[in-house]
N, C-alpha and C. Protein backbone atom coordinates (compact mmCIF):
# COMPACT_ATOMS: atom_id res chain seq x y z
N MET A 1 -8.02 21.78 2.78
CA MET A 1 -6.62 21.97 3.05
C MET A 1 -6.13 20.78 3.87
N LEU A 2 -5.00 20.21 3.45
CA LEU A 2 -4.40 19.12 4.21
C LEU A 2 -3.65 19.73 5.37
N ARG A 3 -4.03 19.36 6.57
CA ARG A 3 -3.34 19.87 7.76
C ARG A 3 -2.09 19.06 8.02
N ASP A 4 -2.22 17.73 8.01
CA ASP A 4 -1.06 16.87 8.10
C ASP A 4 -1.42 15.46 7.68
N ALA A 5 -0.38 14.68 7.42
CA ALA A 5 -0.52 13.29 7.02
C ALA A 5 0.49 12.48 7.82
N ILE A 6 0.02 11.45 8.47
CA ILE A 6 0.88 10.65 9.34
C ILE A 6 1.00 9.25 8.73
N PHE A 7 2.22 8.93 8.29
CA PHE A 7 2.53 7.64 7.70
C PHE A 7 3.65 6.99 8.50
N PRO A 8 3.80 5.66 8.39
CA PRO A 8 4.90 4.99 9.10
C PRO A 8 6.25 5.55 8.66
N LEU A 9 7.16 5.65 9.61
CA LEU A 9 8.51 6.12 9.30
C LEU A 9 9.43 4.98 8.89
N THR A 10 9.01 3.76 9.19
CA THR A 10 9.82 2.60 8.84
C THR A 10 9.32 2.00 7.53
N PRO A 11 10.18 1.29 6.81
CA PRO A 11 9.76 0.68 5.54
C PRO A 11 8.61 -0.30 5.74
N ILE A 12 7.83 -0.47 4.69
CA ILE A 12 6.73 -1.43 4.68
C ILE A 12 7.06 -2.52 3.67
N LYS A 13 6.31 -3.60 3.72
CA LYS A 13 6.51 -4.69 2.77
C LYS A 13 5.37 -4.68 1.75
N ALA A 14 5.70 -4.98 0.51
CA ALA A 14 4.68 -5.10 -0.53
C ALA A 14 3.70 -6.19 -0.15
N GLY A 15 2.42 -5.94 -0.39
CA GLY A 15 1.38 -6.90 -0.07
C GLY A 15 0.88 -6.84 1.36
N MET A 16 1.42 -5.92 2.14
CA MET A 16 1.03 -5.81 3.54
C MET A 16 0.14 -4.57 3.75
N GLN A 17 -0.47 -4.50 4.91
CA GLN A 17 -1.35 -3.38 5.24
C GLN A 17 -0.54 -2.12 5.55
N LEU A 18 -1.04 -1.01 5.06
CA LEU A 18 -0.47 0.30 5.34
C LEU A 18 -1.55 1.12 6.04
N SER A 19 -1.28 1.53 7.27
CA SER A 19 -2.22 2.36 8.03
C SER A 19 -1.67 3.78 8.10
N PHE A 20 -2.57 4.76 7.98
CA PHE A 20 -2.15 6.15 8.03
C PHE A 20 -3.32 7.02 8.45
N THR A 21 -3.00 8.25 8.83
CA THR A 21 -4.01 9.21 9.27
C THR A 21 -3.83 10.51 8.49
N LEU A 22 -4.94 11.05 8.05
CA LEU A 22 -4.96 12.35 7.37
C LEU A 22 -5.84 13.29 8.17
N HIS A 23 -5.39 14.53 8.34
CA HIS A 23 -6.21 15.57 8.95
C HIS A 23 -6.45 16.62 7.87
N ILE A 24 -7.72 16.78 7.53
CA ILE A 24 -8.10 17.71 6.48
C ILE A 24 -8.99 18.77 7.09
N ARG A 25 -8.64 20.02 6.85
CA ARG A 25 -9.42 21.13 7.39
C ARG A 25 -10.17 21.81 6.25
N ASN A 26 -11.48 21.84 6.40
CA ASN A 26 -12.32 22.56 5.46
C ASN A 26 -12.45 23.99 5.99
N VAL A 27 -11.79 24.92 5.31
CA VAL A 27 -11.84 26.31 5.74
C VAL A 27 -12.89 27.10 4.97
N GLY A 28 -13.67 26.38 4.16
CA GLY A 28 -14.75 27.02 3.42
C GLY A 28 -16.03 26.99 4.21
N TYR A 29 -17.12 27.16 3.51
CA TYR A 29 -18.42 27.21 4.17
C TYR A 29 -19.26 25.98 3.93
N ALA A 30 -18.85 25.14 2.99
CA ALA A 30 -19.64 23.95 2.67
C ALA A 30 -18.70 22.81 2.28
N SER A 31 -19.18 21.61 2.48
CA SER A 31 -18.43 20.44 2.05
C SER A 31 -18.69 20.23 0.55
N PRO A 32 -17.89 19.40 -0.11
CA PRO A 32 -18.15 19.13 -1.53
C PRO A 32 -19.58 18.60 -1.70
N TYR A 33 -20.22 19.01 -2.77
CA TYR A 33 -21.62 18.65 -3.00
C TYR A 33 -21.75 17.25 -3.59
N ASN A 34 -20.89 16.91 -4.53
CA ASN A 34 -20.98 15.63 -5.23
C ASN A 34 -20.04 14.60 -4.61
N ALA A 35 -20.50 13.35 -4.63
CA ALA A 35 -19.64 12.25 -4.19
C ALA A 35 -18.49 12.11 -5.17
N ARG A 36 -17.37 11.65 -4.66
CA ARG A 36 -16.23 11.37 -5.52
C ARG A 36 -15.30 10.39 -4.83
N ALA A 37 -14.49 9.74 -5.64
CA ALA A 37 -13.52 8.79 -5.10
C ALA A 37 -12.45 9.56 -4.32
N PHE A 38 -11.81 8.84 -3.43
CA PHE A 38 -10.71 9.40 -2.64
C PHE A 38 -9.63 8.34 -2.67
N ARG A 39 -8.52 8.64 -3.34
CA ARG A 39 -7.49 7.62 -3.56
C ARG A 39 -6.12 8.07 -3.06
N LEU A 40 -5.42 7.10 -2.49
CA LEU A 40 -4.00 7.27 -2.20
C LEU A 40 -3.25 6.74 -3.42
N ILE A 41 -2.35 7.56 -3.94
CA ILE A 41 -1.51 7.17 -5.08
C ILE A 41 -0.09 7.02 -4.56
N MET A 42 0.53 5.88 -4.88
CA MET A 42 1.93 5.65 -4.56
C MET A 42 2.68 5.56 -5.88
N ARG A 43 3.64 6.47 -6.09
CA ARG A 43 4.40 6.52 -7.34
C ARG A 43 5.87 6.20 -7.04
N ASN A 44 6.37 5.16 -7.69
CA ASN A 44 7.76 4.77 -7.51
C ASN A 44 8.66 5.89 -8.03
N LYS A 45 9.58 6.35 -7.20
CA LYS A 45 10.44 7.48 -7.57
C LYS A 45 11.36 7.13 -8.75
N SER A 46 11.75 5.87 -8.89
CA SER A 46 12.67 5.48 -9.96
C SER A 46 11.95 5.14 -11.25
N THR A 47 10.95 4.26 -11.15
CA THR A 47 10.28 3.77 -12.36
C THR A 47 9.06 4.60 -12.76
N LYS A 48 8.55 5.41 -11.84
CA LYS A 48 7.34 6.22 -12.01
C LYS A 48 6.07 5.38 -12.10
N GLN A 49 6.16 4.06 -11.84
CA GLN A 49 4.97 3.22 -11.82
C GLN A 49 4.08 3.64 -10.66
N GLU A 50 2.78 3.70 -10.92
CA GLU A 50 1.83 4.15 -9.91
C GLU A 50 0.91 3.03 -9.46
N PHE A 51 0.54 3.11 -8.19
CA PHE A 51 -0.42 2.19 -7.60
C PHE A 51 -1.47 3.05 -6.91
N ALA A 52 -2.74 2.76 -7.16
CA ALA A 52 -3.84 3.54 -6.60
C ALA A 52 -4.63 2.68 -5.62
N PHE A 53 -4.99 3.28 -4.48
CA PHE A 53 -5.73 2.59 -3.44
C PHE A 53 -6.91 3.45 -3.03
N ASN A 54 -8.11 2.88 -3.10
CA ASN A 54 -9.31 3.59 -2.69
C ASN A 54 -9.38 3.68 -1.18
N ILE A 55 -9.74 4.85 -0.70
CA ILE A 55 -9.91 5.09 0.73
C ILE A 55 -11.40 5.29 0.97
N ASP A 56 -11.91 4.60 1.95
CA ASP A 56 -13.34 4.65 2.26
C ASP A 56 -13.65 5.88 3.11
N THR A 57 -14.05 6.95 2.44
CA THR A 57 -14.49 8.16 3.13
C THR A 57 -15.45 8.90 2.21
N ASP A 58 -16.33 9.66 2.78
CA ASP A 58 -17.30 10.43 2.01
C ASP A 58 -16.94 11.91 2.13
N VAL A 59 -16.38 12.47 1.06
CA VAL A 59 -15.94 13.87 1.09
C VAL A 59 -17.10 14.83 1.32
N ARG A 60 -18.33 14.38 1.08
CA ARG A 60 -19.50 15.24 1.31
C ARG A 60 -19.73 15.47 2.80
N LYS A 61 -19.04 14.70 3.64
CA LYS A 61 -19.18 14.88 5.09
C LYS A 61 -18.01 15.63 5.69
N TRP A 62 -17.19 16.21 4.85
CA TRP A 62 -16.10 17.05 5.33
C TRP A 62 -16.65 18.45 5.54
N PHE A 63 -17.35 18.63 6.63
CA PHE A 63 -17.98 19.91 6.93
C PHE A 63 -16.91 20.91 7.37
N THR A 64 -17.30 22.15 7.54
CA THR A 64 -16.37 23.17 7.99
C THR A 64 -15.68 22.71 9.27
N GLY A 65 -14.37 22.85 9.29
CA GLY A 65 -13.59 22.41 10.44
C GLY A 65 -12.68 21.25 10.07
N LEU A 66 -12.24 20.52 11.07
CA LEU A 66 -11.26 19.45 10.90
C LEU A 66 -11.93 18.10 10.73
N SER A 67 -11.48 17.35 9.73
CA SER A 67 -11.91 15.96 9.52
C SER A 67 -10.68 15.08 9.65
N THR A 68 -10.83 13.98 10.38
CA THR A 68 -9.75 13.02 10.54
C THR A 68 -10.12 11.75 9.78
N ILE A 69 -9.21 11.32 8.91
CA ILE A 69 -9.42 10.10 8.15
C ILE A 69 -8.36 9.10 8.59
N ASN A 70 -8.80 8.05 9.26
CA ASN A 70 -7.92 6.95 9.64
C ASN A 70 -8.14 5.87 8.59
N ALA A 71 -7.11 5.57 7.82
CA ALA A 71 -7.27 4.67 6.69
C ALA A 71 -6.30 3.50 6.75
N LYS A 72 -6.71 2.42 6.11
CA LYS A 72 -5.88 1.24 5.96
C LYS A 72 -6.06 0.74 4.54
N VAL A 73 -4.94 0.48 3.88
CA VAL A 73 -4.98 -0.11 2.55
C VAL A 73 -4.01 -1.29 2.55
N VAL A 74 -4.27 -2.25 1.70
CA VAL A 74 -3.34 -3.36 1.52
C VAL A 74 -2.56 -3.06 0.25
N THR A 75 -1.26 -2.91 0.40
CA THR A 75 -0.42 -2.57 -0.75
C THR A 75 -0.38 -3.74 -1.73
N ASP A 76 -0.06 -3.43 -2.95
CA ASP A 76 0.01 -4.42 -4.02
C ASP A 76 1.25 -5.29 -3.81
N ASN A 77 1.08 -6.61 -3.90
CA ASN A 77 2.23 -7.48 -3.66
C ASN A 77 3.23 -7.48 -4.81
N THR A 78 2.90 -6.79 -5.91
CA THR A 78 3.85 -6.69 -7.04
C THR A 78 4.66 -5.40 -6.99
N MET A 79 4.48 -4.61 -5.95
CA MET A 79 5.22 -3.35 -5.86
C MET A 79 6.72 -3.63 -5.73
N ALA A 80 7.49 -2.99 -6.58
CA ALA A 80 8.95 -3.15 -6.52
C ALA A 80 9.50 -2.45 -5.28
N ALA A 81 10.57 -2.98 -4.75
CA ALA A 81 11.23 -2.32 -3.63
C ALA A 81 11.72 -0.96 -4.07
N GLY A 82 11.63 0.01 -3.18
CA GLY A 82 12.09 1.36 -3.49
C GLY A 82 11.31 2.40 -2.74
N ASP A 83 11.59 3.65 -3.07
CA ASP A 83 10.91 4.79 -2.45
C ASP A 83 9.73 5.22 -3.31
N TYR A 84 8.64 5.57 -2.65
CA TYR A 84 7.40 5.97 -3.33
C TYR A 84 6.94 7.33 -2.83
N ASP A 85 6.66 8.23 -3.77
CA ASP A 85 6.02 9.50 -3.44
C ASP A 85 4.54 9.22 -3.20
N LEU A 86 3.93 9.96 -2.27
CA LEU A 86 2.54 9.75 -1.91
C LEU A 86 1.69 10.96 -2.33
N PHE A 87 0.50 10.65 -2.87
CA PHE A 87 -0.41 11.67 -3.37
C PHE A 87 -1.84 11.32 -2.98
N LEU A 88 -2.69 12.34 -2.95
CA LEU A 88 -4.14 12.15 -2.85
C LEU A 88 -4.74 12.53 -4.19
N PHE A 89 -5.72 11.74 -4.61
CA PHE A 89 -6.41 12.01 -5.87
C PHE A 89 -7.91 11.93 -5.60
N LEU A 90 -8.61 13.00 -5.93
CA LEU A 90 -10.04 13.09 -5.72
C LEU A 90 -10.72 13.40 -7.06
N PRO A 91 -10.83 12.40 -7.93
CA PRO A 91 -11.37 12.63 -9.27
C PRO A 91 -12.88 12.86 -9.26
N ASP A 92 -13.37 13.45 -10.32
CA ASP A 92 -14.81 13.61 -10.50
C ASP A 92 -15.43 12.22 -10.59
N ALA A 93 -16.65 12.07 -10.10
CA ALA A 93 -17.31 10.77 -10.10
C ALA A 93 -17.82 10.37 -11.48
N ALA A 94 -18.04 11.34 -12.36
CA ALA A 94 -18.52 11.02 -13.70
C ALA A 94 -17.43 10.31 -14.49
N GLU A 95 -17.75 9.17 -15.06
CA GLU A 95 -16.76 8.39 -15.79
C GLU A 95 -16.11 9.20 -16.91
N SER A 96 -16.90 10.05 -17.56
CA SER A 96 -16.38 10.85 -18.67
C SER A 96 -15.40 11.94 -18.20
N LEU A 97 -15.39 12.26 -16.91
CA LEU A 97 -14.54 13.33 -16.38
C LEU A 97 -13.48 12.83 -15.40
N SER A 98 -13.59 11.59 -14.95
CA SER A 98 -12.73 11.10 -13.87
C SER A 98 -11.24 11.08 -14.22
N ALA A 99 -10.91 10.94 -15.48
CA ALA A 99 -9.49 10.91 -15.88
C ALA A 99 -8.97 12.30 -16.23
N ARG A 100 -9.81 13.31 -16.17
CA ARG A 100 -9.40 14.67 -16.53
C ARG A 100 -8.97 15.42 -15.27
N PRO A 101 -7.66 15.76 -15.17
CA PRO A 101 -7.13 16.39 -13.96
C PRO A 101 -7.81 17.69 -13.59
N GLU A 102 -8.29 18.44 -14.57
CA GLU A 102 -8.90 19.73 -14.26
C GLU A 102 -10.23 19.60 -13.51
N TYR A 103 -10.78 18.37 -13.42
CA TYR A 103 -12.02 18.14 -12.69
C TYR A 103 -11.78 17.51 -11.32
N ALA A 104 -10.54 17.23 -10.98
CA ALA A 104 -10.22 16.67 -9.66
C ALA A 104 -10.24 17.78 -8.62
N LEU A 105 -10.52 17.42 -7.37
CA LEU A 105 -10.47 18.41 -6.30
C LEU A 105 -9.03 18.77 -5.99
N ARG A 106 -8.81 20.06 -5.86
CA ARG A 106 -7.48 20.58 -5.56
C ARG A 106 -7.48 21.10 -4.14
N LEU A 107 -6.55 20.58 -3.33
CA LEU A 107 -6.43 21.06 -1.96
C LEU A 107 -5.88 22.48 -1.95
N ALA A 108 -6.18 23.22 -0.91
CA ALA A 108 -5.80 24.63 -0.83
C ALA A 108 -4.33 24.84 -0.46
N ASN A 109 -3.62 23.77 -0.14
CA ASN A 109 -2.21 23.91 0.22
C ASN A 109 -1.40 24.41 -0.97
N GLU A 110 -0.34 25.16 -0.69
CA GLU A 110 0.55 25.63 -1.75
C GLU A 110 1.55 24.55 -2.12
N ASN A 111 1.93 24.53 -3.37
CA ASN A 111 2.98 23.65 -3.89
C ASN A 111 2.68 22.16 -3.72
N VAL A 112 1.41 21.76 -3.84
CA VAL A 112 1.07 20.35 -3.79
C VAL A 112 0.38 19.85 -5.06
N TRP A 113 -0.15 20.74 -5.86
CA TRP A 113 -0.95 20.37 -7.03
C TRP A 113 -0.07 20.01 -8.22
N GLU A 114 -0.41 18.89 -8.86
CA GLU A 114 0.23 18.49 -10.11
C GLU A 114 -0.77 18.72 -11.24
N ASP A 115 -0.49 19.67 -12.09
CA ASP A 115 -1.41 19.99 -13.18
C ASP A 115 -1.66 18.80 -14.11
N ALA A 116 -0.62 18.06 -14.43
CA ALA A 116 -0.73 16.98 -15.41
C ALA A 116 -1.58 15.81 -14.91
N SER A 117 -1.56 15.55 -13.60
CA SER A 117 -2.26 14.37 -13.08
C SER A 117 -3.52 14.70 -12.29
N GLY A 118 -3.59 15.90 -11.73
CA GLY A 118 -4.69 16.24 -10.83
C GLY A 118 -4.46 15.69 -9.43
N TYR A 119 -3.23 15.31 -9.13
CA TYR A 119 -2.88 14.78 -7.82
C TYR A 119 -2.47 15.91 -6.89
N ASN A 120 -2.70 15.67 -5.60
CA ASN A 120 -2.24 16.54 -4.53
C ASN A 120 -1.12 15.82 -3.81
N SER A 121 0.09 16.37 -3.88
CA SER A 121 1.22 15.73 -3.23
C SER A 121 1.10 15.83 -1.72
N LEU A 122 1.40 14.74 -1.05
CA LEU A 122 1.44 14.75 0.41
C LEU A 122 2.80 15.15 0.92
N ASN A 123 3.75 15.33 -0.02
CA ASN A 123 5.13 15.66 0.34
C ASN A 123 5.68 14.65 1.35
N LYS A 124 5.34 13.40 1.12
CA LYS A 124 5.81 12.29 1.94
C LYS A 124 6.37 11.21 1.03
N ILE A 125 7.33 10.48 1.56
CA ILE A 125 7.93 9.35 0.85
C ILE A 125 7.86 8.15 1.78
N ILE A 126 7.48 7.02 1.22
CA ILE A 126 7.48 5.79 2.00
C ILE A 126 8.32 4.75 1.25
N THR A 127 9.05 3.96 2.00
CA THR A 127 9.93 2.94 1.41
C THR A 127 9.25 1.58 1.48
N VAL A 128 9.27 0.89 0.35
CA VAL A 128 8.74 -0.47 0.25
C VAL A 128 9.92 -1.42 0.12
N ASN A 129 9.92 -2.47 0.95
CA ASN A 129 10.98 -3.49 0.89
C ASN A 129 10.51 -4.65 0.03
């Protein structure tokens, strides 16, 4: 379950570093068993173009309780100016399953899951200049 996501409130520039913090609470009894990618997806609200950024974290170490992920990504310098919706994507590690949304990890939060993509919405918008 995503507890909160902290992103800059001011616009960022394409090609620059974006720092953010995620607090994820595992309310289950075990962490995920298999390794998998952990990606921040930025989707342009106007054009729907998406940019994916890998976040260096091991979901297998998200034990019961709160995990804090302090992340930094360098945005793509070709990103058009505009507003971007933010998502988390945790696809299956198997190449044959990684593009199939039904195999992505779904956070326990309500109203965040996108069936078509397998993305978990952060319900955050960031502006790129």
